[in-house]
């Protein structure tokens, strides 16, 4: 007999729907009969029953909304964590580039200082005598301009030094002996490369600070993404039936290069 009823319910859903409807309609009456207080004041008991059911429904809806909000927040934090990881990686690359520039600037300054020391050693023997004629001064001027252009071409002096040398300003004196002019060029190059090294050190320190700040921000967002993903997974069972929500992954898609 049970098998026949079960087969009927499976093949024809109409009896099952009728049975469920009757059960829902008789539920309040059963609750009234089950409570002595309900028999004395059935209307109050019925109102209390529907109030309890309404409160449960509202609580279920609130929990579902909380689950949806948790999933949305987890997705937003995951995206923010991925972007922060990419930004941290870029700041790390910028810091590494700044470190290489410091090394190059330091070596360039050392080389310039070595050239200056060598020229100072040669200057101890003095400068040879030469006739101070117009032709000599023209040759000295040409030598100065060529020496400055060569230094600028090697990166020892800034490009503005050429205009200064042509105009005879900023300490450039075409009347000096070529050996003295060479000493002035080497001294100016050493000073310029020293300043460039100091600027590179300051830029490297700023890049290191920014890279560290970006790393801390990335780590903080990654930890928050893990927490949000765990919270969303915990509330996923409260989502409405038929609603598909992808919970954010606990592990970010991008990791910093130094990790």
Protein backbone atom coordinates (compact mmCIF):
# COMPACT_ATOMS: atom_id res chain seq x y z
CA UNK A 1 0.00 0.00 0.00
CA UNK A 2 2.81 2.41 0.90
CA UNK A 3 4.55 1.68 -2.39
CA UNK A 4 1.37 2.44 -4.32
CA UNK A 5 0.94 5.79 -2.55
CA UNK A 6 4.56 6.69 -3.06
CA UNK A 7 4.38 5.81 -6.75
CA UNK A 8 1.24 7.89 -7.14
CA UNK A 9 2.87 10.92 -5.50
CA UNK A 10 5.91 10.61 -7.74
CA UNK A 11 4.03 10.20 -10.99
CA UNK A 12 1.28 12.73 -10.32
CA UNK A 13 2.25 15.86 -8.30
CA UNK A 14 -1.33 17.10 -7.95
CA UNK A 15 -2.22 14.89 -4.94
CA UNK A 16 0.97 15.95 -3.21
CA UNK A 17 0.10 19.62 -3.70
CA UNK A 18 -3.40 19.07 -2.36
CA UNK A 19 -2.02 17.23 0.64
CA UNK A 20 0.46 19.98 1.41
CA UNK A 21 -2.25 22.63 1.14
CA UNK A 22 -4.50 20.77 3.53
CA UNK A 23 -1.62 20.37 5.97
CA UNK A 24 -0.91 24.07 5.95
CA UNK A 25 -4.60 24.91 6.47
CA UNK A 26 -4.96 22.50 9.38
CA UNK A 27 -1.72 23.56 11.06
CA UNK A 28 -3.25 26.49 13.02
CA UNK A 29 -6.10 24.26 14.23
CA UNK A 30 -3.64 21.62 15.40
CA UNK A 31 -1.66 24.24 17.28
CA UNK A 32 -4.82 25.51 18.94
CA UNK A 33 -5.85 22.04 20.05
CA UNK A 34 -2.37 21.26 21.35
CA UNK A 35 -2.37 24.18 23.84
CA UNK A 36 -4.90 24.64 26.68
CA UNK A 37 -4.30 28.37 26.55
CA UNK A 38 -5.18 28.29 22.85
CA UNK A 39 -8.56 26.76 23.61
CA UNK A 40 -9.43 29.64 25.98
CA UNK A 41 -8.18 32.41 23.62
CA UNK A 42 -7.78 30.94 20.14
CA UNK A 43 -7.56 34.30 18.37
CA UNK A 44 -4.64 35.52 20.51
CA UNK A 45 -2.84 32.22 20.07
CA UNK A 46 -3.34 32.38 16.32
CA UNK A 47 -1.98 35.93 16.21
CA UNK A 48 1.03 34.91 18.28
CA UNK A 49 1.66 31.95 15.99
CA UNK A 50 1.63 34.11 12.88
CA UNK A 51 3.83 36.67 14.67
CA UNK A 52 6.42 34.00 15.41
CA UNK A 53 6.31 32.80 11.82
CA UNK A 54 6.65 36.38 10.57
CA UNK A 55 9.64 37.03 12.84
CA UNK A 56 11.32 33.88 11.62
CA UNK A 57 10.73 34.93 8.04
CA UNK A 58 12.16 38.39 8.66
CA UNK A 59 15.18 36.91 10.40
CA UNK A 60 15.70 34.55 7.48
CA UNK A 61 15.54 37.46 5.03
CA UNK A 62 17.98 39.51 7.13
CA UNK A 63 20.40 36.59 7.23
CA UNK A 64 20.10 36.17 3.46
CA UNK A 65 20.79 39.88 2.92
CA UNK A 66 23.77 39.64 5.26
CA UNK A 67 25.09 36.68 3.26
CA UNK A 68 24.70 38.61 0.00
CA UNK A 69 26.47 41.64 1.48
CA UNK A 70 29.28 39.43 2.80
CA UNK A 71 29.83 37.90 -0.65
CA UNK A 72 29.80 41.30 -2.32
CA UNK A 73 32.26 42.69 0.23
CA UNK A 74 34.53 39.66 -0.20
CA UNK A 75 34.60 40.20 -3.98
CA UNK A 76 35.39 43.91 -3.59
CA UNK A 77 38.17 43.28 -1.09
CA UNK A 78 39.64 40.54 -3.29
CA UNK A 79 39.78 42.93 -6.26
CA UNK A 80 41.37 45.62 -4.08
CA UNK A 81 43.92 43.10 -2.77
CA UNK A 82 44.84 42.02 -6.31
CA UNK A 83 45.32 45.63 -7.39
CA UNK A 84 47.37 46.40 -4.29
CA UNK A 85 49.58 43.38 -5.02
CA UNK A 86 50.20 44.61 -8.57
CA UNK A 87 50.96 48.12 -7.28
CA UNK A 88 53.36 46.70 -4.68
CA UNK A 89 55.14 44.72 -7.37
CA UNK A 90 55.56 47.84 -9.50
CA UNK A 91 56.87 49.86 -6.56
CA UNK A 92 59.31 47.03 -5.84
CA UNK A 93 60.56 47.16 -9.43
CA UNK A 94 60.91 50.94 -9.18
CA UNK A 95 62.96 50.59 -6.00
CA UNK A 96 65.22 48.00 -7.63
CA UNK A 97 65.73 50.35 -10.58
CA UNK A 98 66.58 53.20 -8.19
CA UNK A 99 69.09 50.94 -6.43
CA UNK A 100 70.81 50.19 -9.74
CA UNK A 101 70.93 53.92 -10.51
CA UNK A 102 72.62 54.57 -7.16
CA UNK A 103 75.27 51.97 -7.97
CA UNK A 104 75.89 53.47 -11.40
CA UNK A 105 76.04 57.02 -10.03
CA UNK A 106 78.45 55.95 -7.31
CA UNK A 107 80.79 54.31 -9.82
CA UNK A 108 80.62 57.33 -12.13
CA UNK A 109 81.56 59.62 -9.25
CA UNK A 110 84.47 57.37 -8.29
CA UNK A 111 85.75 57.43 -11.87
CA UNK A 112 85.43 61.22 -12.05
CA UNK A 113 87.26 61.60 -8.76
CA UNK A 114 90.04 59.32 -10.04
CA UNK A 115 90.40 61.45 -13.20
CA UNK A 116 90.50 64.61 -11.12
CA UNK A 117 93.15 63.21 -8.79
CA UNK A 118 95.27 62.16 -11.75
CA UNK A 119 95.02 65.60 -13.30
CA UNK A 120 95.86 67.27 -9.98
CA UNK A 121 98.98 65.14 -9.78
CA UNK A 122 100.01 66.30 -13.24
CA UNK A 123 99.25 69.93 -12.38
CA UNK A 124 101.92 69.81 -9.69
CA UNK A 125 104.56 70.20 -12.44
CA UNK A 126 103.01 73.46 -13.64
CA UNK A 127 101.92 74.50 -17.10
CA UNK A 128 104.31 74.96 -20.03
CA UNK A 129 104.87 78.43 -21.36
CA UNK A 130 103.14 79.52 -24.55
CA UNK A 131 102.99 82.84 -26.37
CA UNK A 132 99.84 84.81 -25.58
CA UNK A 133 98.84 85.64 -29.13
CA UNK A 134 95.38 85.93 -30.71
CA UNK A 135 95.98 82.59 -32.44
CA UNK A 136 96.83 80.99 -29.08
CA UNK A 137 93.65 82.33 -27.47
CA UNK A 138 91.55 81.04 -30.36
CA UNK A 139 93.13 77.63 -29.93
CA UNK A 140 92.47 77.71 -26.19
CA UNK A 141 88.84 78.63 -26.78
CA UNK A 142 88.43 75.76 -29.23
CA UNK A 143 90.06 73.38 -26.78
CA UNK A 144 87.67 74.43 -24.01
CA UNK A 145 84.60 74.04 -26.18
CA UNK A 146 85.73 70.61 -27.37
CA UNK A 147 86.58 69.45 -23.83
CA UNK A 148 83.18 70.54 -22.52
CA UNK A 149 81.34 68.87 -25.40
CA UNK A 150 83.28 65.66 -24.81
CA UNK A 151 82.44 65.72 -21.11
CA UNK A 152 78.76 66.30 -21.87
CA UNK A 153 78.83 63.45 -24.40
CA UNK A 154 80.17 61.07 -21.73
CA UNK A 155 77.56 62.23 -19.25
CA UNK A 156 80.09 63.89 -16.97
CA UNK A 157 78.50 67.34 -17.31
CA UNK A 158 74.94 68.55 -17.92
CA UNK A 159 73.95 69.72 -21.39
CA UNK A 160 73.68 73.31 -20.13
CA UNK A 161 77.46 73.36 -19.63
CA UNK A 162 77.97 73.74 -23.40
CA UNK A 163 75.99 76.97 -23.54
CA UNK A 164 77.81 78.25 -20.45
CA UNK A 165 81.21 77.46 -21.97
CA UNK A 166 80.32 79.17 -25.25
CA UNK A 167 79.12 82.24 -23.35
CA UNK A 168 82.10 82.23 -20.98
CA UNK A 169 79.98 82.10 -17.82
CA UNK A 170 79.56 79.79 -14.81
CA UNK A 171 83.34 79.66 -14.27
CA UNK A 172 84.41 78.78 -17.82
CA UNK A 173 87.40 80.86 -18.93
CA UNK A 174 88.72 80.32 -22.44
CA UNK A 175 91.88 82.34 -21.65
CA UNK A 176 93.29 79.62 -19.38
CA UNK A 177 95.96 77.22 -20.54
CA UNK A 178 94.53 73.94 -21.95
CA UNK A 179 95.96 71.99 -19.01
CA UNK A 180 94.24 74.36 -16.61
CA UNK A 181 91.03 74.14 -18.62
CA UNK A 182 91.19 70.37 -18.46
CA UNK A 183 91.55 70.59 -14.68
CA UNK A 184 88.48 72.86 -14.51
CA UNK A 185 86.49 70.42 -16.64
CA UNK A 186 87.47 67.44 -14.45
CA UNK A 187 86.68 69.36 -11.27
CA UNK A 188 83.26 70.41 -12.60
CA UNK A 189 82.55 66.85 -13.75
CA UNK A 190 83.41 65.43 -10.34
CA UNK A 191 81.10 67.94 -8.65
CA UNK A 192 78.26 67.27 -11.07
CA UNK A 193 78.54 63.49 -10.70
CA UNK A 194 78.68 63.83 -6.92
CA UNK A 195 75.44 65.81 -6.99
CA UNK A 196 73.87 63.21 -9.26
CA UNK A 197 74.87 60.47 -6.83
CA UNK A 198 73.34 62.35 -3.90
CA UNK A 199 70.09 62.81 -5.86
CA UNK A 200 70.08 59.12 -6.74
CA UNK A 201 70.51 58.20 -3.06
CA UNK A 202 67.57 60.43 -2.09
CA UNK A 203 65.42 58.95 -4.86
CA UNK A 204 66.35 55.42 -3.79
CA UNK A 205 65.40 56.14 -0.19
CA UNK A 206 62.04 57.56 -1.28
CA UNK A 207 61.42 54.54 -3.54
CA UNK A 208 62.29 52.17 -0.70
CA UNK A 209 59.82 53.94 1.58
CA UNK A 210 57.09 53.80 -1.06
CA UNK A 211 57.78 50.12 -1.77
CA UNK A 212 57.57 49.26 1.92
CA UNK A 213 54.33 51.20 2.29
CA UNK A 214 52.85 49.44 -0.75
CA UNK A 215 53.92 46.05 0.62
CA UNK A 216 52.26 46.72 3.97
CA UNK A 217 49.09 47.87 2.25
CA UNK A 218 49.06 44.75 0.09
CA UNK A 219 49.58 42.47 3.09
CA UNK A 220 46.81 44.21 5.02
CA UNK A 221 44.35 43.92 2.14
CA UNK A 222 45.31 40.30 1.56
CA UNK A 223 44.60 39.47 5.21
CA UNK A 224 41.29 41.31 5.02
CA UNK A 225 40.43 39.41 1.83
CA UNK A 226 41.06 36.10 3.58
CA UNK A 227 38.83 37.12 6.48
CA UNK A 228 36.07 38.35 4.17
CA UNK A 229 36.22 35.16 2.08
CA UNK A 230 35.92 33.02 5.20
CA UNK A 231 32.96 35.07 6.41
CA UNK A 232 31.24 34.81 3.01
CA UNK A 233 31.78 31.03 2.93
CA UNK A 234 30.30 30.74 6.41
CA UNK A 235 27.12 32.62 5.41
CA UNK A 236 26.76 31.04 1.98
CA UNK A 237 24.29 28.43 3.29
CA UNK A 238 21.87 31.24 4.17
CA UNK A 239 21.62 32.45 0.59
CA UNK A 240 18.22 32.07 -1.12
CA UNK A 241 17.67 28.83 -2.98
CA UNK A 242 18.57 29.03 -6.67
CA UNK A 243 20.93 31.98 -6.21
CA UNK A 244 24.48 31.21 -7.35
CA UNK A 245 27.20 33.28 -5.74
CA UNK A 246 30.91 32.71 -6.22
CA UNK A 247 32.80 33.12 -2.98
CA UNK A 248 36.08 35.00 -3.32
CA UNK A 249 39.14 32.81 -3.18
CA UNK A 250 41.14 32.92 0.01
CA UNK A 251 44.45 33.19 -1.88
CA UNK A 252 45.01 36.30 -4.01
CA UNK A 253 45.71 35.84 -7.69
CA UNK A 254 48.89 37.93 -7.63
CA UNK A 255 51.69 37.78 -5.07
CA UNK A 256 54.46 40.36 -4.67
CA UNK A 257 57.74 39.51 -6.33
CA UNK A 258 59.78 39.51 -3.09
CA UNK A 259 57.54 36.97 -1.41
